[in-house]
Amino acid sequence: MIGGALRAACSGAEVTSVTVEFGTYPVLEVLEALRADNWLHLHGDPDSKLGRTIKADIRKRLYPEEDDWKELVALRSSHVLQRATNGLTDKQEQTADK
């Protein structure tokens, strides 16, 4: 979705989209939370006690509160962005040399 909007906004430019997944909880726990959240949107009441519990659980599963996890994600994200920037710089230098 975001990649498509970026491509449309940058017509004529080469756009490469990347998604980086940082692990949180075991896959089955995350899938169960996603299933419950899906059920909530189709059949439940997000403002009910159950709805608030489901929303809190999906948030916890996808964005843990632990500061160590957040710091590691920030560090790894910084590395990914730096590598992407280096790759773009290298590509520009190679193109300029031709």
PDB file of N, CA and C in Angstrom:
ATOM      1  N   MET A   1       0.822  -1.177   0.000  1.00  0.00           N
ATOM      2  CA  MET A   1       0.000   0.000   0.000  1.00  0.00           C
ATOM      3  C   MET A   1       0.873   1.251   0.000  1.00  0.00           C
ATOM      4  N   ILE A   2       1.761   1.373   0.966  1.00  0.00           N
ATOM      5  CA  ILE A   2       2.626   2.542   1.045  1.00  0.00           C
ATOM      6  C   ILE A   2       3.557   2.582  -0.159  1.00  0.00           C
ATOM      7  N   GLY A   3       4.096   1.406  -0.541  1.00  0.00           N
ATOM      8  CA  GLY A   3       4.982   1.343  -1.699  1.00  0.00           C
ATOM      9  C   GLY A   3       4.297   1.806  -2.966  1.00  0.00           C
ATOM     10  N   GLY A   4       3.027   1.441  -3.138  1.00  0.00           N
ATOM     11  CA  GLY A   4       2.264   1.868  -4.307  1.00  0.00           C
ATOM     12  C   GLY A   4       2.067   3.371  -4.335  1.00  0.00           C
ATOM     13  N   ALA A   5       1.773   3.957  -3.188  1.00  0.00           N
ATOM     14  CA  ALA A   5       1.595   5.407  -3.104  1.00  0.00           C
ATOM     15  C   ALA A   5       2.910   6.123  -3.383  1.00  0.00           C
ATOM     16  N   LEU A   6       3.995   5.560  -2.889  1.00  0.00           N
ATOM     17  CA  LEU A   6       5.307   6.154  -3.125  1.00  0.00           C
ATOM     18  C   LEU A   6       5.663   6.098  -4.606  1.00  0.00           C
ATOM     19  N   ARG A   7       5.396   4.967  -5.237  1.00  0.00           N
ATOM     20  CA  ARG A   7       5.658   4.847  -6.678  1.00  0.00           C
ATOM     21  C   ARG A   7       4.856   5.878  -7.466  1.00  0.00           C
ATOM     22  N   ALA A   8       3.598   6.059  -7.100  1.00  0.00           N
ATOM     23  CA  ALA A   8       2.748   7.024  -7.799  1.00  0.00           C
ATOM     24  C   ALA A   8       3.267   8.449  -7.609  1.00  0.00           C
ATOM     25  N   ALA A   9       3.745   8.760  -6.414  1.00  0.00           N
ATOM     26  CA  ALA A   9       4.240  10.103  -6.124  1.00  0.00           C
ATOM     27  C   ALA A   9       5.591  10.371  -6.783  1.00  0.00           C
ATOM     28  N   CYS A  10       6.334   9.329  -7.080  1.00  0.00           N
ATOM     29  CA  CYS A  10       7.681   9.470  -7.649  1.00  0.00           C
ATOM     30  C   CYS A  10       7.724   8.878  -9.049  1.00  0.00           C
ATOM     31  N   SER A  11       6.775   9.255  -9.876  1.00  0.00           N
ATOM     32  CA  SER A  11       6.723   8.659 -11.212  1.00  0.00           C
ATOM     33  C   SER A  11       8.043   8.886 -11.938  1.00  0.00           C
ATOM     34  N   GLY A  12       8.499   7.851 -12.586  1.00  0.00           N
ATOM     35  CA  GLY A  12       9.752   7.910 -13.313  1.00  0.00           C
ATOM     36  C   GLY A  12      10.969   7.523 -12.482  1.00  0.00           C
ATOM     37  N   ALA A  13      10.813   7.475 -11.173  1.00  0.00           N
ATOM     38  CA  ALA A  13      11.932   7.110 -10.303  1.00  0.00           C
ATOM     39  C   ALA A  13      11.892   5.617 -10.010  1.00  0.00           C
ATOM     40  N   GLU A  14      13.051   5.046  -9.772  1.00  0.00           N
ATOM     41  CA  GLU A  14      13.112   3.649  -9.355  1.00  0.00           C
ATOM     42  C   GLU A  14      12.800   3.586  -7.865  1.00  0.00           C
ATOM     43  N   VAL A  15      11.768   2.843  -7.504  1.00  0.00           N
ATOM     44  CA  VAL A  15      11.345   2.730  -6.106  1.00  0.00           C
ATOM     45  C   VAL A  15      11.426   1.270  -5.691  1.00  0.00           C
ATOM     46  N   THR A  16      12.079   1.016  -4.585  1.00  0.00           N
ATOM     47  CA  THR A  16      12.152  -0.327  -4.024  1.00  0.00           C
ATOM     48  C   THR A  16      11.589  -0.280  -2.615  1.00  0.00           C
ATOM     49  N   SER A  17      10.585  -1.100  -2.355  1.00  0.00           N
ATOM     50  CA  SER A  17       9.965  -1.149  -1.027  1.00  0.00           C
ATOM     51  C   SER A  17      10.549  -2.301  -0.228  1.00  0.00           C
ATOM     52  N   VAL A  18      10.670  -2.089   1.066  1.00  0.00           N
ATOM     53  CA  VAL A  18      11.214  -3.109   1.957  1.00  0.00           C
ATOM     54  C   VAL A  18      10.348  -3.172   3.206  1.00  0.00           C
ATOM     55  N   THR A  19      10.081  -4.379   3.653  1.00  0.00           N
ATOM     56  CA  THR A  19       9.419  -4.577   4.938  1.00  0.00           C
ATOM     57  C   THR A  19      10.372  -5.372   5.811  1.00  0.00           C
ATOM     58  N   VAL A  20      10.609  -4.875   6.994  1.00  0.00           N
ATOM     59  CA  VAL A  20      11.495  -5.556   7.925  1.00  0.00           C
ATOM     60  C   VAL A  20      10.653  -6.007   9.112  1.00  0.00           C
ATOM     61  N   GLU A  21      10.687  -7.286   9.396  1.00  0.00           N
ATOM     62  CA  GLU A  21       9.912  -7.857  10.502  1.00  0.00           C
ATOM     63  C   GLU A  21      10.852  -8.119  11.672  1.00  0.00           C
ATOM     64  N   PHE A  22      10.509  -7.555  12.812  1.00  0.00           N
ATOM     65  CA  PHE A  22      11.274  -7.797  14.027  1.00  0.00           C
ATOM     66  C   PHE A  22      10.439  -8.698  14.913  1.00  0.00           C
ATOM     67  N   GLY A  23      10.955  -9.852  15.228  1.00  0.00           N
ATOM     68  CA  GLY A  23      10.209 -10.840  15.993  1.00  0.00           C
ATOM     69  C   GLY A  23       9.740 -10.320  17.340  1.00  0.00           C
ATOM     70  N   THR A  24       8.577 -10.795  17.730  1.00  0.00           N
ATOM     71  CA  THR A  24       8.022 -10.382  19.010  1.00  0.00           C
ATOM     72  C   THR A  24       7.744 -11.606  19.873  1.00  0.00           C
ATOM     73  N   TYR A  25       6.723 -12.334  19.530  1.00  0.00           N
ATOM     74  CA  TYR A  25       6.294 -13.512  20.284  1.00  0.00           C
ATOM     75  C   TYR A  25       6.273 -14.712  19.342  1.00  0.00           C
ATOM     76  N   PRO A  26       6.124 -15.916  19.876  1.00  0.00           N
ATOM     77  CA  PRO A  26       6.023 -17.099  19.011  1.00  0.00           C
ATOM     78  C   PRO A  26       4.891 -16.941  17.988  1.00  0.00           C
ATOM     79  N   VAL A  27       5.107 -17.469  16.798  1.00  0.00           N
ATOM     80  CA  VAL A  27       4.188 -17.296  15.673  1.00  0.00           C
ATOM     81  C   VAL A  27       2.754 -17.676  16.028  1.00  0.00           C
ATOM     82  N   LEU A  28       2.559 -18.795  16.699  1.00  0.00           N
ATOM     83  CA  LEU A  28       1.191 -19.217  17.019  1.00  0.00           C
ATOM     84  C   LEU A  28       0.487 -18.227  17.942  1.00  0.00           C
ATOM     85  N   GLU A  29       1.212 -17.628  18.866  1.00  0.00           N
ATOM     86  CA  GLU A  29       0.611 -16.615  19.743  1.00  0.00           C
ATOM     87  C   GLU A  29       0.207 -15.380  18.949  1.00  0.00           C
ATOM     88  N   VAL A  30       1.051 -14.960  18.023  1.00  0.00           N
ATOM     89  CA  VAL A  30       0.737 -13.800  17.188  1.00  0.00           C
ATOM     90  C   VAL A  30      -0.457 -14.111  16.291  1.00  0.00           C
ATOM     91  N   LEU A  31      -0.476 -15.298  15.687  1.00  0.00           N
ATOM     92  CA  LEU A  31      -1.604 -15.677  14.830  1.00  0.00           C
ATOM     93  C   LEU A  31      -2.914 -15.720  15.603  1.00  0.00           C
ATOM     94  N   GLU A  32      -2.877 -16.225  16.818  1.00  0.00           N
ATOM     95  CA  GLU A  32      -4.086 -16.265  17.649  1.00  0.00           C
ATOM     96  C   GLU A  32      -4.576 -14.847  17.956  1.00  0.00           C
ATOM     97  N   ALA A  33      -3.658 -13.950  18.252  1.00  0.00           N
ATOM     98  CA  ALA A  33      -4.032 -12.558  18.513  1.00  0.00           C
ATOM     99  C   ALA A  33      -4.601 -11.905  17.253  1.00  0.00           C
ATOM    100  N   LEU A  34      -4.015 -12.200  16.099  1.00  0.00           N
ATOM    101  CA  LEU A  34      -4.533 -11.671  14.831  1.00  0.00           C
ATOM    102  C   LEU A  34      -5.926 -12.217  14.532  1.00  0.00           C
ATOM    103  N   ARG A  35      -6.124 -13.503  14.811  1.00  0.00           N
ATOM    104  CA  ARG A  35      -7.436 -14.112  14.589  1.00  0.00           C
ATOM    105  C   ARG A  35      -8.487 -13.448  15.471  1.00  0.00           C
ATOM    106  N   ALA A  36      -8.146 -13.234  16.739  1.00  0.00           N
ATOM    107  CA  ALA A  36      -9.082 -12.590  17.664  1.00  0.00           C
ATOM    108  C   ALA A  36      -9.393 -11.162  17.218  1.00  0.00           C
ATOM    109  N   ASP A  37      -8.381 -10.444  16.761  1.00  0.00           N
ATOM    110  CA  ASP A  37      -8.587  -9.076  16.287  1.00  0.00           C
ATOM    111  C   ASP A  37      -9.476  -9.060  15.046  1.00  0.00           C
ATOM    112  N   ASN A  38      -9.279 -10.016  14.158  1.00  0.00           N
ATOM    113  CA  ASN A  38     -10.120 -10.123  12.965  1.00  0.00           C
ATOM    114  C   ASN A  38     -11.571 -10.400  13.364  1.00  0.00           C
ATOM    115  N   TRP A  39     -11.759 -11.341  14.296  1.00  0.00           N
ATOM    116  CA  TRP A  39     -13.103 -11.644  14.779  1.00  0.00           C
ATOM    117  C   TRP A  39     -13.750 -10.386  15.355  1.00  0.00           C
ATOM    118  N   LEU A  40     -12.974  -9.642  16.138  1.00  0.00           N
ATOM    119  CA  LEU A  40     -13.496  -8.431  16.771  1.00  0.00           C
ATOM    120  C   LEU A  40     -14.023  -7.450  15.733  1.00  0.00           C
ATOM    121  N   HIS A  41     -13.265  -7.256  14.658  1.00  0.00           N
ATOM    122  CA  HIS A  41     -13.685  -6.300  13.629  1.00  0.00           C
ATOM    123  C   HIS A  41     -14.896  -6.791  12.846  1.00  0.00           C
ATOM    124  N   LEU A  42     -15.058  -8.093  12.732  1.00  0.00           N
ATOM    125  CA  LEU A  42     -16.194  -8.641  11.978  1.00  0.00           C
ATOM    126  C   LEU A  42     -17.444  -8.827  12.830  1.00  0.00           C
ATOM    127  N   HIS A  43     -17.275  -9.206  14.090  1.00  0.00           N
ATOM    128  CA  HIS A  43     -18.429  -9.617  14.889  1.00  0.00           C
ATOM    129  C   HIS A  43     -18.522  -8.968  16.263  1.00  0.00           C
ATOM    130  N   GLY A  44     -17.467  -8.366  16.739  1.00  0.00           N
ATOM    131  CA  GLY A  44     -17.447  -7.893  18.119  1.00  0.00           C
ATOM    132  C   GLY A  44     -17.658  -6.399  18.255  1.00  0.00           C
ATOM    133  N   ASP A  45     -17.514  -5.936  19.467  1.00  0.00           N
ATOM    134  CA  ASP A  45     -17.634  -4.520  19.804  1.00  0.00           C
ATOM    135  C   ASP A  45     -16.288  -4.057  20.362  1.00  0.00           C
ATOM    136  N   PRO A  46     -15.541  -3.271  19.582  1.00  0.00           N
ATOM    137  CA  PRO A  46     -14.221  -2.833  20.040  1.00  0.00           C
ATOM    138  C   PRO A  46     -14.256  -2.051  21.355  1.00  0.00           C
ATOM    139  N   ASP A  47     -15.402  -1.454  21.679  1.00  0.00           N
ATOM    140  CA  ASP A  47     -15.508  -0.670  22.909  1.00  0.00           C
ATOM    141  C   ASP A  47     -15.914  -1.497  24.123  1.00  0.00           C
ATOM    142  N   SER A  48     -16.210  -2.776  23.913  1.00  0.00           N
ATOM    143  CA  SER A  48     -16.579  -3.646  25.033  1.00  0.00           C
ATOM    144  C   SER A  48     -15.328  -4.037  25.816  1.00  0.00           C
ATOM    145  N   LYS A  49     -15.545  -4.626  26.980  1.00  0.00           N
ATOM    146  CA  LYS A  49     -14.411  -5.103  27.783  1.00  0.00           C
ATOM    147  C   LYS A  49     -13.603  -6.129  26.993  1.00  0.00           C
ATOM    148  N   LEU A  50     -14.298  -7.075  26.334  1.00  0.00           N
ATOM    149  CA  LEU A  50     -13.609  -8.080  25.516  1.00  0.00           C
ATOM    150  C   LEU A  50     -12.863  -7.409  24.369  1.00  0.00           C
ATOM    151  N   GLY A  51     -13.497  -6.443  23.728  1.00  0.00           N
ATOM    152  CA  GLY A  51     -12.859  -5.732  22.627  1.00  0.00           C
ATOM    153  C   GLY A  51     -11.587  -5.031  23.063  1.00  0.00           C
ATOM    154  N   ARG A  52     -11.634  -4.384  24.203  1.00  0.00           N
ATOM    155  CA  ARG A  52     -10.441  -3.695  24.718  1.00  0.00           C
ATOM    156  C   ARG A  52      -9.347  -4.693  25.085  1.00  0.00           C
ATOM    157  N   THR A  53      -9.748  -5.849  25.600  1.00  0.00           N
ATOM    158  CA  THR A  53      -8.771  -6.896  25.933  1.00  0.00           C
ATOM    159  C   THR A  53      -8.089  -7.411  24.665  1.00  0.00           C
ATOM    160  N   ILE A  54      -8.882  -7.664  23.629  1.00  0.00           N
ATOM    161  CA  ILE A  54      -8.330  -8.147  22.353  1.00  0.00           C
ATOM    162  C   ILE A  54      -7.393  -7.105  21.758  1.00  0.00           C
ATOM    163  N   LYS A  55      -7.784  -5.833  21.773  1.00  0.00           N
ATOM    164  CA  LYS A  55      -6.940  -4.779  21.207  1.00  0.00           C
ATOM    165  C   LYS A  55      -5.635  -4.640  21.999  1.00  0.00           C
ATOM    166  N   ALA A  56      -5.721  -4.759  23.314  1.00  0.00           N
ATOM    167  CA  ALA A  56      -4.503  -4.683  24.132  1.00  0.00           C
ATOM    168  C   ALA A  56      -3.577  -5.857  23.821  1.00  0.00           C
ATOM    169  N   ASP A  57      -4.158  -7.042  23.601  1.00  0.00           N
ATOM    170  CA  ASP A  57      -3.341  -8.222  23.314  1.00  0.00           C
ATOM    171  C   ASP A  57      -2.660  -8.109  21.953  1.00  0.00           C
ATOM    172  N   ILE A  58      -3.380  -7.648  20.923  1.00  0.00           N
ATOM    173  CA  ILE A  58      -2.758  -7.543  19.594  1.00  0.00           C
ATOM    174  C   ILE A  58      -1.647  -6.491  19.625  1.00  0.00           C
ATOM    175  N   ARG A  59      -1.870  -5.410  20.355  1.00  0.00           N
ATOM    176  CA  ARG A  59      -0.819  -4.389  20.473  1.00  0.00           C
ATOM    177  C   ARG A  59       0.412  -4.982  21.160  1.00  0.00           C
ATOM    178  N   LYS A  60       0.183  -5.718  22.243  1.00  0.00           N
ATOM    179  CA  LYS A  60       1.294  -6.339  22.972  1.00  0.00           C
ATOM    180  C   LYS A  60       2.057  -7.304  22.076  1.00  0.00           C
ATOM    181  N   ARG A  61       1.332  -8.097  21.288  1.00  0.00           N
ATOM    182  CA  ARG A  61       1.980  -9.104  20.431  1.00  0.00           C
ATOM    183  C   ARG A  61       2.782  -8.468  19.304  1.00  0.00           C
ATOM    184  N   LEU A  62       2.330  -7.311  18.802  1.00  0.00           N
ATOM    185  CA  LEU A  62       3.007  -6.685  17.667  1.00  0.00           C
ATOM    186  C   LEU A  62       3.956  -5.560  18.074  1.00  0.00           C
ATOM    187  N   TYR A  63       3.773  -5.033  19.277  1.00  0.00           N
ATOM    188  CA  TYR A  63       4.632  -3.946  19.760  1.00  0.00           C
ATOM    189  C   TYR A  63       4.832  -4.103  21.261  1.00  0.00           C
ATOM    190  N   PRO A  64       5.733  -5.001  21.653  1.00  0.00           N
ATOM    191  CA  PRO A  64       5.955  -5.273  23.077  1.00  0.00           C
ATOM    192  C   PRO A  64       6.385  -4.023  23.850  1.00  0.00           C
ATOM    193  N   GLU A  65       6.080  -4.006  25.120  1.00  0.00           N
ATOM    194  CA  GLU A  65       6.417  -2.881  25.998  1.00  0.00           C
ATOM    195  C   GLU A  65       7.865  -2.902  26.477  1.00  0.00           C
ATOM    196  N   GLU A  66       8.552  -4.011  26.308  1.00  0.00           N
ATOM    197  CA  GLU A  66       9.910  -4.142  26.843  1.00  0.00           C
ATOM    198  C   GLU A  66      10.863  -3.147  26.180  1.00  0.00           C
ATOM    199  N   ASP A  67      11.542  -2.351  27.012  1.00  0.00           N
ATOM    200  CA  ASP A  67      12.474  -1.354  26.492  1.00  0.00           C
ATOM    201  C   ASP A  67      13.630  -1.991  25.732  1.00  0.00           C
ATOM    202  N   ASP A  68      14.106  -3.165  26.174  1.00  0.00           N
ATOM    203  CA  ASP A  68      15.196  -3.852  25.469  1.00  0.00           C
ATOM    204  C   ASP A  68      14.799  -4.161  24.033  1.00  0.00           C
ATOM    205  N   TRP A  69      13.565  -4.629  23.833  1.00  0.00           N
ATOM    206  CA  TRP A  69      13.084  -4.954  22.487  1.00  0.00           C
ATOM    207  C   TRP A  69      13.028  -3.687  21.637  1.00  0.00           C
ATOM    208  N   LYS A  70      12.491  -2.610  22.202  1.00  0.00           N
ATOM    209  CA  LYS A  70      12.379  -1.345  21.461  1.00  0.00           C
ATOM    210  C   LYS A  70      13.757  -0.814  21.064  1.00  0.00           C
ATOM    211  N   GLU A  71      14.710  -0.892  21.980  1.00  0.00           N
ATOM    212  CA  GLU A  71      16.063  -0.421  21.679  1.00  0.00           C
ATOM    213  C   GLU A  71      16.710  -1.260  20.582  1.00  0.00           C
ATOM    214  N   LEU A  72      16.515  -2.565  20.631  1.00  0.00           N
ATOM    215  CA  LEU A  72      17.077  -3.446  19.611  1.00  0.00           C
ATOM    216  C   LEU A  72      16.449  -3.171  18.244  1.00  0.00           C
ATOM    217  N   VAL A  73      15.139  -2.940  18.221  1.00  0.00           N
ATOM    218  CA  VAL A  73      14.461  -2.614  16.963  1.00  0.00           C
ATOM    219  C   VAL A  73      14.987  -1.291  16.409  1.00  0.00           C
ATOM    220  N   ALA A  74      15.164  -0.300  17.268  1.00  0.00           N
ATOM    221  CA  ALA A  74      15.694   0.989  16.816  1.00  0.00           C
ATOM    222  C   ALA A  74      17.103   0.824  16.245  1.00  0.00           C
ATOM    223  N   LEU A  75      17.931   0.042  16.914  1.00  0.00           N
ATOM    224  CA  LEU A  75      19.298  -0.193  16.442  1.00  0.00           C
ATOM    225  C   LEU A  75      19.299  -0.930  15.102  1.00  0.00           C
ATOM    226  N   ARG A  76      18.521  -1.992  15.016  1.00  0.00           N
ATOM    227  CA  ARG A  76      18.470  -2.762  13.765  1.00  0.00           C
ATOM    228  C   ARG A  76      17.879  -1.929  12.630  1.00  0.00           C
ATOM    229  N   SER A  77      16.869  -1.122  12.937  1.00  0.00           N
ATOM    230  CA  SER A  77      16.274  -0.254  11.913  1.00  0.00           C
ATOM    231  C   SER A  77      17.307   0.731  11.393  1.00  0.00           C
ATOM    232  N   SER A  78      18.089   1.278  12.293  1.00  0.00           N
ATOM    233  CA  SER A  78      19.147   2.203  11.900  1.00  0.00           C
ATOM    234  C   SER A  78      20.148   1.522  10.972  1.00  0.00           C
ATOM    235  N   HIS A  79      20.508   0.275  11.287  1.00  0.00           N
ATOM    236  CA  HIS A  79      21.433  -0.478  10.432  1.00  0.00           C
ATOM    237  C   HIS A  79      20.837  -0.720   9.050  1.00  0.00           C
ATOM    238  N   VAL A  80      19.559  -1.088   9.002  1.00  0.00           N
ATOM    239  CA  VAL A  80      18.897  -1.337   7.712  1.00  0.00           C
ATOM    240  C   VAL A  80      18.884  -0.058   6.876  1.00  0.00           C
ATOM    241  N   LEU A  81      18.524   1.057   7.490  1.00  0.00           N
ATOM    242  CA  LEU A  81      18.493   2.329   6.759  1.00  0.00           C
ATOM    243  C   LEU A  81      19.884   2.730   6.281  1.00  0.00           C
ATOM    244  N   GLN A  82      20.894   2.504   7.119  1.00  0.00           N
ATOM    245  CA  GLN A  82      22.262   2.839   6.720  1.00  0.00           C
ATOM    246  C   GLN A  82      22.713   1.981   5.540  1.00  0.00           C
ATOM    247  N   ARG A  83      22.399   0.696   5.594  1.00  0.00           N
ATOM    248  CA  ARG A  83      22.778  -0.186   4.482  1.00  0.00           C
ATOM    249  C   ARG A  83      22.049   0.209   3.204  1.00  0.00           C
ATOM    250  N   ALA A  84      20.781   0.580   3.328  1.00  0.00           N
ATOM    251  CA  ALA A  84      20.025   1.010   2.150  1.00  0.00           C
ATOM    252  C   ALA A  84      20.623   2.291   1.577  1.00  0.00           C
ATOM    253  N   THR A  85      20.958   3.225   2.442  1.00  0.00           N
ATOM    254  CA  THR A  85      21.568   4.478   1.996  1.00  0.00           C
ATOM    255  C   THR A  85      22.910   4.209   1.328  1.00  0.00           C
ATOM    256  N   ASN A  86      23.705   3.337   1.920  1.00  0.00           N
ATOM    257  CA  ASN A  86      24.993   2.978   1.314  1.00  0.00           C
ATOM    258  C   ASN A  86      24.791   2.339  -0.049  1.00  0.00           C
ATOM    259  N   GLY A  87      23.800   1.480  -0.160  1.00  0.00           N
ATOM    260  CA  GLY A  87      23.513   0.840  -1.443  1.00  0.00           C
ATOM    261  C   GLY A  87      23.110   1.844  -2.499  1.00  0.00           C
ATOM    262  N   LEU A  88      22.298   2.822  -2.120  1.00  0.00           N
ATOM    263  CA  LEU A  88      21.898   3.860  -3.070  1.00  0.00           C
ATOM    264  C   LEU A  88      23.088   4.714  -3.475  1.00  0.00           C
ATOM    265  N   THR A  89      23.931   5.041  -2.520  1.00  0.00           N
ATOM    266  CA  THR A  89      25.116   5.843  -2.809  1.00  0.00           C
ATOM    267  C   THR A  89      26.047   5.092  -3.754  1.00  0.00           C
ATOM    268  N   ASP A  90      26.273   3.806  -3.480  1.00  0.00           N
ATOM    269  CA  ASP A  90      27.125   2.992  -4.351  1.00  0.00           C
ATOM    270  C   ASP A  90      26.555   2.930  -5.757  1.00  0.00           C
ATOM    271  N   LYS A  91      25.232   2.784  -5.866  1.00  0.00           N
ATOM    272  CA  LYS A  91      24.597   2.694  -7.183  1.00  0.00           C
ATOM    273  C   LYS A  91      24.755   4.010  -7.938  1.00  0.00           C
ATOM    274  N   GLN A  92      24.605   5.138  -7.236  1.00  0.00           N
ATOM    275  CA  GLN A  92      24.770   6.436  -7.887  1.00  0.00           C
ATOM    276  C   GLN A  92      26.204   6.624  -8.365  1.00  0.00           C
ATOM    277  N   GLU A  93      27.164   6.190  -7.558  1.00  0.00           N
ATOM    278  CA  GLU A  93      28.572   6.315  -7.940  1.00  0.00           C
ATOM    279  C   GLU A  93      28.878   5.444  -9.150  1.00  0.00           C
ATOM    280  N   GLN A  94      28.316   4.237  -9.196  1.00  0.00           N
ATOM    281  CA  GLN A  94      28.533   3.344 -10.332  1.00  0.00           C
ATOM    282  C   GLN A  94      27.925   3.939 -11.596  1.00  0.00           C
ATOM    283  N   THR A  95      26.754   4.547 -11.481  1.00  0.00           N
ATOM    284  CA  THR A  95      26.094   5.157 -12.633  1.00  0.00           C
ATOM    285  C   THR A  95      26.894   6.357 -13.126  1.00  0.00           C
ATOM    286  N   ALA A  96      27.436   7.143 -12.212  1.00  0.00           N
ATOM    287  CA  ALA A  96      28.215   8.323 -12.576  1.00  0.00           C
ATOM    288  C   ALA A  96      29.515   7.940 -13.268  1.00  0.00           C
ATOM    289  N   ASP A  97      30.080   6.781 -12.915  1.00  0.00           N
ATOM    290  CA  ASP A  97      31.338   6.327 -13.510  1.00  0.00           C
ATOM    291  C   ASP A  97      31.167   5.858 -14.946  1.00  0.00           C
ATOM    292  N   LYS A  98      29.950   5.557 -15.348  1.00  0.00           N
ATOM    293  CA  LYS A  98      29.731   5.009 -16.701  1.00  0.00           C
ATOM    294  C   LYS A  98      29.738   6.077 -17.749  1.00  0.00           C
TER     295      LYS A  98
END
